[in-house]
Each structure stands twice: as C-alpha cells, then as structure tokens.
Amino acid sequence: MKKLIISAAFIASSIVSFAQNDKYTAAMQKNISAMDTSFKNPANLLTLANNFERIGTAEKTQWLAFYYAALCQINYGYMQMQGNMGVVDAIADKATLLIAKADSLQPNNSEISCVKSMIATAHMIVDPMTRWQQYGQEIEQHNAAAMQQDPTNPRPYYLKGENLKGTPEQFGGGCKTAKPELQKAMDLFGAFKPASELHPNWGKQRVETLLNECK
C-alpha cells in the first residue's frame, strides 16, 4: 500500500511537471516567433523583452528566457540610435541586468557572451571617440570568449564581422577585414543546428546581407 501511495504521488508530480514544461515551451515559442516581425515596430521588441523577463521570473531556472529578454532589450536599444541616442545607455544597462541572470543560470555560455558583446557595442556607439578603448576591449573579450566556449557558433563571427564593417578603414575596419569573419560565420551557419527549438538560431540573413554589401 505504501508503495502504491508513493507511485501515485510520483505520477501526479510528473504530470504537473510536464504540464508546466508544456506551458513554458508554448510561451517561449509564441514570443520567439514574434521576434522577427517586431523589428518593424521597436516598441514590440520592448514588449517581448518584458514578456521573456516575466517567463524567466516565473520559471526561475530557465536561462533562455532571460537570454531572449536581454537580446530583445539590446536590439530595442540599437533601434533607438537613429534619433534617440540619449536613452541607449539606460536600455543597455537593463539588458546587462537581464543577461546577468541568464549567466548565473548558465555560466560560460557562448550565446550569452554574444549578447554581452552586443551590449558593449551599444555603449560604445553612444560616444565612440571617448569610449572605444574601454568598450572596444570588452567587445573583443566577449567575442573571443564566445568563440572559445562554442567553436561551432556562427554568431560571434557575425558580430565581429559586423563591427569591423562599421569601423572606418583607417582604424582597421571596412569590408576587407570584415569579409573573412562574415564568411566564417556563413560557413558555420551552413552546419549549425540549435540544441532545441527554443535555442538561438538567428543571424544568417543578416550575414548574407552584409556579405552582399561587401562584394
């Protein structure tokens, strides 16, 4: 009888766990699928960042929720650079808090290092003439860490290539130095497979665009 009670309790616990996992997966899929179209309306990216943060806060152990919250947050920051540069630092600071939560749950992760690189890039772009020494070094460190943490990840090469393309030639940038990094990213995208349907799988189309611009 005692064994039957224990078995029933285990089954009930498993059912609840599976239901929670299904709810988490469905919420993540819904928000991930909305990310691409959200770039047409920057406010939607901020909404998604908040959605992902709420998922992470509710689940507590799911690093991907905080990762996507930070990714949406920093992309929202990039989209403010055209006419509202004064708010970018604060947006990037919020992204730093979010990615730190992801990092605490999943240390030494290549995708997390990529977002850290994106955050440092945003801070630098606010005032590149006075900030490049500090944030330029941070960007390189995060990209190098991402490459080391997962040599099959195309995104750190993409980020490095995009930064080089946007750097003036007199400072070592331009298409000539960017193209090998972008081509490396494209080669890796050809073989890359995300660990699950929820794991990061973005950047390929942007690399294709950058390579076409460098022809």
C-alpha atoms as a PDB file:
ATOM      1  CA  MET A   1       0.000   0.000   0.000  1.00  0.00           C
ATOM      2  CA  LYS A   2       2.808   2.395   0.873  1.00  0.00           C
ATOM      3  CA  LYS A   3       4.474   1.676  -2.462  1.00  0.00           C
ATOM      4  CA  LEU A   4       1.221   2.401  -4.266  1.00  0.00           C
ATOM      5  CA  ILE A   5       0.875   5.758  -2.494  1.00  0.00           C
ATOM      6  CA  ILE A   6       4.464   6.685  -3.379  1.00  0.00           C
ATOM      7  CA  SER A   7       3.932   5.661  -7.007  1.00  0.00           C
ATOM      8  CA  ALA A   8       0.723   7.677  -7.243  1.00  0.00           C
ATOM      9  CA  ALA A   9       2.435  10.713  -5.781  1.00  0.00           C
ATOM     10  CA  PHE A  10       5.320  10.362  -8.245  1.00  0.00           C
ATOM     11  CA  ILE A  11       2.938  10.082 -11.196  1.00  0.00           C
ATOM     12  CA  ALA A  12       0.971  13.128 -10.056  1.00  0.00           C
ATOM     13  CA  SER A  13       4.189  15.109  -9.630  1.00  0.00           C
ATOM     14  CA  SER A  14       5.351  14.074 -13.107  1.00  0.00           C
ATOM     15  CA  ILE A  15       2.060  15.146 -14.676  1.00  0.00           C
ATOM     16  CA  VAL A  16       2.297  18.577 -13.051  1.00  0.00           C
ATOM     17  CA  SER A  17       5.923  18.907 -14.163  1.00  0.00           C
ATOM     18  CA  PHE A  18       5.119  18.013 -17.768  1.00  0.00           C
ATOM     19  CA  ALA A  19       2.207  20.455 -17.783  1.00  0.00           C
ATOM     20  CA  GLN A  20       4.460  23.231 -16.513  1.00  0.00           C
ATOM     21  CA  ASN A  21       7.089  22.392 -19.131  1.00  0.00           C
ATOM     22  CA  ASP A  22       4.461  22.458 -21.882  1.00  0.00           C
ATOM     23  CA  LYS A  23       3.233  25.849 -20.677  1.00  0.00           C
ATOM     24  CA  TYR A  24       6.787  27.215 -20.604  1.00  0.00           C
ATOM     25  CA  THR A  25       7.588  25.850 -24.074  1.00  0.00           C
ATOM     26  CA  ALA A  26       4.399  27.257 -25.573  1.00  0.00           C
ATOM     27  CA  ALA A  27       5.033  30.707 -24.076  1.00  0.00           C
ATOM     28  CA  MET A  28       8.628  30.728 -25.305  1.00  0.00           C
ATOM     29  CA  GLN A  29       7.686  29.593 -28.811  1.00  0.00           C
ATOM     30  CA  LYS A  30       4.994  32.249 -29.086  1.00  0.00           C
ATOM     31  CA  ASN A  31       7.374  35.063 -28.157  1.00  0.00           C
ATOM     32  CA  ILE A  32      10.344  33.757 -30.159  1.00  0.00           C
ATOM     33  CA  SER A  33       8.179  33.516 -33.288  1.00  0.00           C
ATOM     34  CA  ALA A  34       7.180  37.165 -32.844  1.00  0.00           C
ATOM     35  CA  MET A  35      10.750  38.485 -32.712  1.00  0.00           C
ATOM     36  CA  ASP A  36      11.457  38.851 -36.454  1.00  0.00           C
ATOM     37  CA  THR A  37       8.394  40.956 -37.219  1.00  0.00           C
ATOM     38  CA  SER A  38       8.944  43.058 -34.108  1.00  0.00           C
ATOM     39  CA  PHE A  39      11.851  44.863 -35.763  1.00  0.00           C
ATOM     40  CA  LYS A  40       9.266  46.722 -37.855  1.00  0.00           C
ATOM     41  CA  ASN A  41       7.963  48.299 -34.652  1.00  0.00           C
ATOM     42  CA  PRO A  42      10.641  48.819 -31.974  1.00  0.00           C
ATOM     43  CA  ALA A  43       8.079  49.088 -29.183  1.00  0.00           C
ATOM     44  CA  ASN A  44       7.164  45.457 -29.838  1.00  0.00           C
ATOM     45  CA  LEU A  45      10.732  44.421 -29.028  1.00  0.00           C
ATOM     46  CA  LEU A  46      10.425  46.059 -25.632  1.00  0.00           C
ATOM     47  CA  THR A  47       7.122  44.249 -25.091  1.00  0.00           C
ATOM     48  CA  LEU A  48       8.805  40.947 -25.936  1.00  0.00           C
ATOM     49  CA  ALA A  49      11.687  41.721 -23.587  1.00  0.00           C
ATOM     50  CA  ASN A  50       9.180  42.217 -20.790  1.00  0.00           C
ATOM     51  CA  ASN A  51       7.343  39.023 -21.753  1.00  0.00           C
ATOM     52  CA  PHE A  52      10.528  36.963 -21.654  1.00  0.00           C
ATOM     53  CA  GLU A  53      11.544  38.510 -18.342  1.00  0.00           C
ATOM     54  CA  ARG A  54       8.183  37.521 -16.842  1.00  0.00           C
ATOM     55  CA  ILE A  55       8.648  33.960 -18.107  1.00  0.00           C
ATOM     56  CA  GLY A  56      12.119  33.808 -16.572  1.00  0.00           C
ATOM     57  CA  THR A  57      10.898  35.203 -13.279  1.00  0.00           C
ATOM     58  CA  ALA A  58       8.111  32.638 -13.154  1.00  0.00           C
ATOM     59  CA  GLU A  59      10.270  29.662 -14.152  1.00  0.00           C
ATOM     60  CA  LYS A  60      13.365  30.726 -12.170  1.00  0.00           C
ATOM     61  CA  THR A  61      15.719  28.091 -13.656  1.00  0.00           C
ATOM     62  CA  GLN A  62      15.297  28.764 -17.392  1.00  0.00           C
ATOM     63  CA  TRP A  63      18.254  30.754 -18.689  1.00  0.00           C
ATOM     64  CA  LEU A  64      16.867  31.075 -22.202  1.00  0.00           C
ATOM     65  CA  ALA A  65      14.005  33.286 -21.019  1.00  0.00           C
ATOM     66  CA  PHE A  66      16.418  35.853 -19.578  1.00  0.00           C
ATOM     67  CA  TYR A  67      18.698  35.459 -22.626  1.00  0.00           C
ATOM     68  CA  TYR A  68      15.902  36.408 -25.010  1.00  0.00           C
ATOM     69  CA  ALA A  69      14.782  39.205 -22.695  1.00  0.00           C
ATOM     70  CA  ALA A  70      18.283  40.706 -22.893  1.00  0.00           C
ATOM     71  CA  LEU A  71      18.508  40.108 -26.654  1.00  0.00           C
ATOM     72  CA  CYS A  72      15.221  41.916 -27.317  1.00  0.00           C
ATOM     73  CA  GLN A  73      16.189  44.687 -24.908  1.00  0.00           C
ATOM     74  CA  ILE A  74      19.519  45.412 -26.601  1.00  0.00           C
ATOM     75  CA  ASN A  75      18.041  45.213 -30.094  1.00  0.00           C
ATOM     76  CA  TYR A  76      15.459  47.744 -28.940  1.00  0.00           C
ATOM     77  CA  GLY A  77      18.403  49.894 -27.859  1.00  0.00           C
ATOM     78  CA  TYR A  78      20.016  49.628 -31.282  1.00  0.00           C
ATOM     79  CA  MET A  79      16.802  50.769 -32.903  1.00  0.00           C
ATOM     80  CA  GLN A  80      16.776  53.921 -30.746  1.00  0.00           C
ATOM     81  CA  MET A  81      20.149  55.031 -32.121  1.00  0.00           C
ATOM     82  CA  GLN A  82      18.714  56.776 -35.160  1.00  0.00           C
ATOM     83  CA  GLY A  83      17.070  59.585 -33.232  1.00  0.00           C
ATOM     84  CA  ASN A  84      17.120  58.923 -29.505  1.00  0.00           C
ATOM     85  CA  MET A  85      20.728  58.137 -28.592  1.00  0.00           C
ATOM     86  CA  GLY A  86      20.312  59.582 -25.106  1.00  0.00           C
ATOM     87  CA  VAL A  87      18.300  56.591 -23.912  1.00  0.00           C
ATOM     88  CA  VAL A  88      20.636  53.875 -25.218  1.00  0.00           C
ATOM     89  CA  ASP A  89      22.875  53.604 -22.140  1.00  0.00           C
ATOM     90  CA  ALA A  90      19.900  53.025 -19.845  1.00  0.00           C
ATOM     91  CA  ILE A  91      18.441  50.413 -22.195  1.00  0.00           C
ATOM     92  CA  ALA A  92      21.811  48.649 -22.385  1.00  0.00           C
ATOM     93  CA  ASP A  93      22.113  48.742 -18.585  1.00  0.00           C
ATOM     94  CA  LYS A  94      18.768  46.959 -18.318  1.00  0.00           C
ATOM     95  CA  ALA A  95      19.987  44.369 -20.843  1.00  0.00           C
ATOM     96  CA  THR A  96      23.075  43.864 -18.660  1.00  0.00           C
ATOM     97  CA  LEU A  97      20.885  43.015 -15.658  1.00  0.00           C
ATOM     98  CA  LEU A  98      18.891  40.529 -17.722  1.00  0.00           C
ATOM     99  CA  ILE A  99      21.874  38.772 -19.258  1.00  0.00           C
ATOM    100  CA  ALA A 100      23.495  38.565 -15.814  1.00  0.00           C
ATOM    101  CA  LYS A 101      20.508  36.484 -14.689  1.00  0.00           C
ATOM    102  CA  ALA A 102      20.953  34.179 -17.664  1.00  0.00           C
ATOM    103  CA  ASP A 103      24.680  33.965 -16.926  1.00  0.00           C
ATOM    104  CA  SER A 104      24.029  32.974 -13.308  1.00  0.00           C
ATOM    105  CA  LEU A 105      21.917  30.052 -14.526  1.00  0.00           C
ATOM    106  CA  GLN A 106      24.159  29.022 -17.438  1.00  0.00           C
ATOM    107  CA  PRO A 107      27.779  30.192 -16.949  1.00  0.00           C
ATOM    108  CA  ASN A 108      30.383  30.165 -19.722  1.00  0.00           C
ATOM    109  CA  ASN A 109      27.785  30.069 -22.473  1.00  0.00           C
ATOM    110  CA  SER A 110      28.668  31.223 -25.982  1.00  0.00           C
ATOM    111  CA  GLU A 111      25.263  32.746 -26.740  1.00  0.00           C
ATOM    112  CA  ILE A 112      25.309  34.722 -23.511  1.00  0.00           C
ATOM    113  CA  SER A 113      28.785  36.036 -24.335  1.00  0.00           C
ATOM    114  CA  CYS A 114      27.432  37.199 -27.708  1.00  0.00           C
ATOM    115  CA  VAL A 115      24.751  39.297 -26.029  1.00  0.00           C
ATOM    116  CA  LYS A 116      27.377  40.757 -23.694  1.00  0.00           C
ATOM    117  CA  SER A 117      29.329  41.781 -26.796  1.00  0.00           C
ATOM    118  CA  MET A 118      26.208  43.411 -28.260  1.00  0.00           C
ATOM    119  CA  ILE A 119      25.647  45.355 -25.039  1.00  0.00           C
ATOM    120  CA  ALA A 120      29.243  46.628 -25.003  1.00  0.00           C
ATOM    121  CA  THR A 121      28.864  47.629 -28.658  1.00  0.00           C
ATOM    122  CA  ALA A 122      25.758  49.672 -27.872  1.00  0.00           C
ATOM    123  CA  HIS A 123      27.559  51.524 -25.070  1.00  0.00           C
ATOM    124  CA  MET A 124      30.482  52.277 -27.382  1.00  0.00           C
ATOM    125  CA  ILE A 125      28.335  53.578 -30.239  1.00  0.00           C
ATOM    126  CA  VAL A 126      26.822  56.207 -27.941  1.00  0.00           C
ATOM    127  CA  ASP A 127      30.188  58.013 -27.932  1.00  0.00           C
ATOM    128  CA  PRO A 128      32.793  56.039 -29.916  1.00  0.00           C
ATOM    129  CA  MET A 129      35.536  58.655 -29.784  1.00  0.00           C
ATOM    130  CA  THR A 130      35.772  58.581 -25.990  1.00  0.00           C
ATOM    131  CA  ARG A 131      34.557  55.041 -25.299  1.00  0.00           C
ATOM    132  CA  TRP A 132      36.296  52.853 -27.847  1.00  0.00           C
ATOM    133  CA  GLN A 133      39.227  51.995 -25.577  1.00  0.00           C
ATOM    134  CA  GLN A 134      37.026  50.660 -22.771  1.00  0.00           C
ATOM    135  CA  TYR A 135      34.214  49.067 -24.713  1.00  0.00           C
ATOM    136  CA  GLY A 136      36.281  48.041 -27.723  1.00  0.00           C
ATOM    137  CA  GLN A 137      38.307  45.815 -25.419  1.00  0.00           C
ATOM    138  CA  GLU A 138      35.143  44.412 -23.829  1.00  0.00           C
ATOM    139  CA  ILE A 139      33.672  43.605 -27.226  1.00  0.00           C
ATOM    140  CA  GLU A 140      36.790  41.698 -28.266  1.00  0.00           C
ATOM    141  CA  GLN A 141      36.905  39.810 -24.968  1.00  0.00           C
ATOM    142  CA  HIS A 142      33.269  38.732 -25.181  1.00  0.00           C
ATOM    143  CA  ASN A 143      33.565  37.688 -28.822  1.00  0.00           C
ATOM    144  CA  ALA A 144      36.737  35.714 -28.104  1.00  0.00           C
ATOM    145  CA  ALA A 145      35.036  34.021 -25.143  1.00  0.00           C
ATOM    146  CA  ALA A 146      32.022  33.117 -27.298  1.00  0.00           C
ATOM    147  CA  MET A 147      34.264  31.565 -29.950  1.00  0.00           C
ATOM    148  CA  GLN A 148      36.130  29.543 -27.356  1.00  0.00           C
ATOM    149  CA  GLN A 149      33.009  28.438 -25.494  1.00  0.00           C
ATOM    150  CA  ASP A 150      31.436  27.071 -28.684  1.00  0.00           C
ATOM    151  CA  PRO A 151      33.615  26.951 -31.822  1.00  0.00           C
ATOM    152  CA  THR A 152      30.567  25.888 -33.879  1.00  0.00           C
ATOM    153  CA  ASN A 153      28.576  29.028 -33.022  1.00  0.00           C
ATOM    154  CA  PRO A 154      28.425  31.384 -36.029  1.00  0.00           C
ATOM    155  CA  ARG A 155      27.148  34.399 -34.097  1.00  0.00           C
ATOM    156  CA  PRO A 156      30.414  35.682 -32.552  1.00  0.00           C
ATOM    157  CA  TYR A 157      31.982  35.736 -36.027  1.00  0.00           C
ATOM    158  CA  TYR A 158      28.938  37.539 -37.362  1.00  0.00           C
ATOM    159  CA  LEU A 159      29.125  40.146 -34.592  1.00  0.00           C
ATOM    160  CA  LYS A 160      32.859  40.622 -35.086  1.00  0.00           C
ATOM    161  CA  GLY A 161      32.401  40.980 -38.833  1.00  0.00           C
ATOM    162  CA  GLU A 162      29.572  43.478 -38.498  1.00  0.00           C
ATOM    163  CA  ASN A 163      31.593  45.607 -36.074  1.00  0.00           C
ATOM    164  CA  LEU A 164      34.585  45.555 -38.403  1.00  0.00           C
ATOM    165  CA  LYS A 165      32.429  46.533 -41.366  1.00  0.00           C
ATOM    166  CA  GLY A 166      31.174  49.548 -39.445  1.00  0.00           C
ATOM    167  CA  THR A 167      34.676  50.584 -38.357  1.00  0.00           C
ATOM    168  CA  PRO A 168      36.489  53.129 -40.592  1.00  0.00           C
ATOM    169  CA  GLU A 169      39.287  51.671 -42.720  1.00  0.00           C
ATOM    170  CA  GLN A 170      41.876  53.941 -41.099  1.00  0.00           C
ATOM    171  CA  PHE A 171      41.136  52.165 -37.826  1.00  0.00           C
ATOM    172  CA  GLY A 172      41.449  48.694 -39.280  1.00  0.00           C
ATOM    173  CA  GLY A 173      37.858  48.203 -40.360  1.00  0.00           C
ATOM    174  CA  GLY A 174      35.903  48.087 -43.588  1.00  0.00           C
ATOM    175  CA  CYS A 175      34.842  45.229 -45.820  1.00  0.00           C
ATOM    176  CA  LYS A 176      38.371  43.978 -46.392  1.00  0.00           C
ATOM    177  CA  THR A 177      38.817  42.958 -42.770  1.00  0.00           C
ATOM    178  CA  ALA A 178      35.146  42.190 -42.133  1.00  0.00           C
ATOM    179  CA  LYS A 179      34.615  39.780 -45.022  1.00  0.00           C
ATOM    180  CA  PRO A 180      36.714  36.844 -43.670  1.00  0.00           C
ATOM    181  CA  GLU A 181      34.827  36.956 -40.366  1.00  0.00           C
ATOM    182  CA  LEU A 182      31.463  37.163 -42.116  1.00  0.00           C
ATOM    183  CA  GLN A 183      32.396  34.302 -44.424  1.00  0.00           C
ATOM    184  CA  LYS A 184      33.440  32.229 -41.422  1.00  0.00           C
ATOM    185  CA  ALA A 185      30.046  32.924 -39.879  1.00  0.00           C
ATOM    186  CA  MET A 186      28.281  31.898 -43.088  1.00  0.00           C
ATOM    187  CA  ASP A 187      30.283  28.670 -43.277  1.00  0.00           C
ATOM    188  CA  LEU A 188      29.329  27.843 -39.696  1.00  0.00           C
ATOM    189  CA  PHE A 189      25.682  28.647 -40.340  1.00  0.00           C
ATOM    190  CA  GLY A 190      25.745  26.003 -43.050  1.00  0.00           C
ATOM    191  CA  ALA A 191      26.340  23.283 -40.461  1.00  0.00           C
ATOM    192  CA  PHE A 192      24.808  24.873 -37.375  1.00  0.00           C
ATOM    193  CA  LYS A 193      21.919  23.156 -35.626  1.00  0.00           C
ATOM    194  CA  PRO A 194      20.367  24.706 -32.492  1.00  0.00           C
ATOM    195  CA  ALA A 195      20.243  22.462 -29.442  1.00  0.00           C
ATOM    196  CA  SER A 196      16.435  22.690 -29.380  1.00  0.00           C
ATOM    197  CA  GLU A 197      13.583  24.592 -30.971  1.00  0.00           C
ATOM    198  CA  LEU A 198      13.972  27.208 -28.233  1.00  0.00           C
ATOM    199  CA  HIS A 199      17.724  27.752 -28.573  1.00  0.00           C
ATOM    200  CA  PRO A 200      19.166  30.694 -30.564  1.00  0.00           C
ATOM    201  CA  ASN A 201      19.098  30.359 -34.344  1.00  0.00           C
ATOM    202  CA  TRP A 202      19.340  33.924 -35.607  1.00  0.00           C
ATOM    203  CA  GLY A 203      21.763  35.967 -37.716  1.00  0.00           C
ATOM    204  CA  LYS A 204      22.129  34.111 -41.024  1.00  0.00           C
ATOM    205  CA  GLN A 205      20.059  36.516 -43.119  1.00  0.00           C
ATOM    206  CA  ARG A 206      21.932  39.481 -41.692  1.00  0.00           C
ATOM    207  CA  VAL A 207      25.273  37.879 -42.583  1.00  0.00           C
ATOM    208  CA  GLU A 208      24.046  37.297 -46.148  1.00  0.00           C
ATOM    209  CA  THR A 209      23.117  40.969 -46.391  1.00  0.00           C
ATOM    210  CA  LEU A 210      26.491  42.138 -45.088  1.00  0.00           C
ATOM    211  CA  LEU A 211      28.393  39.847 -47.447  1.00  0.00           C
ATOM    212  CA  ASN A 212      26.406  41.163 -50.401  1.00  0.00           C
ATOM    213  CA  GLU A 213      27.256  44.696 -49.338  1.00  0.00           C
ATOM    214  CA  CYS A 214      30.936  43.750 -49.313  1.00  0.00           C
ATOM    215  CA  LYS A 215      31.012  42.332 -52.852  1.00  0.00           C
END
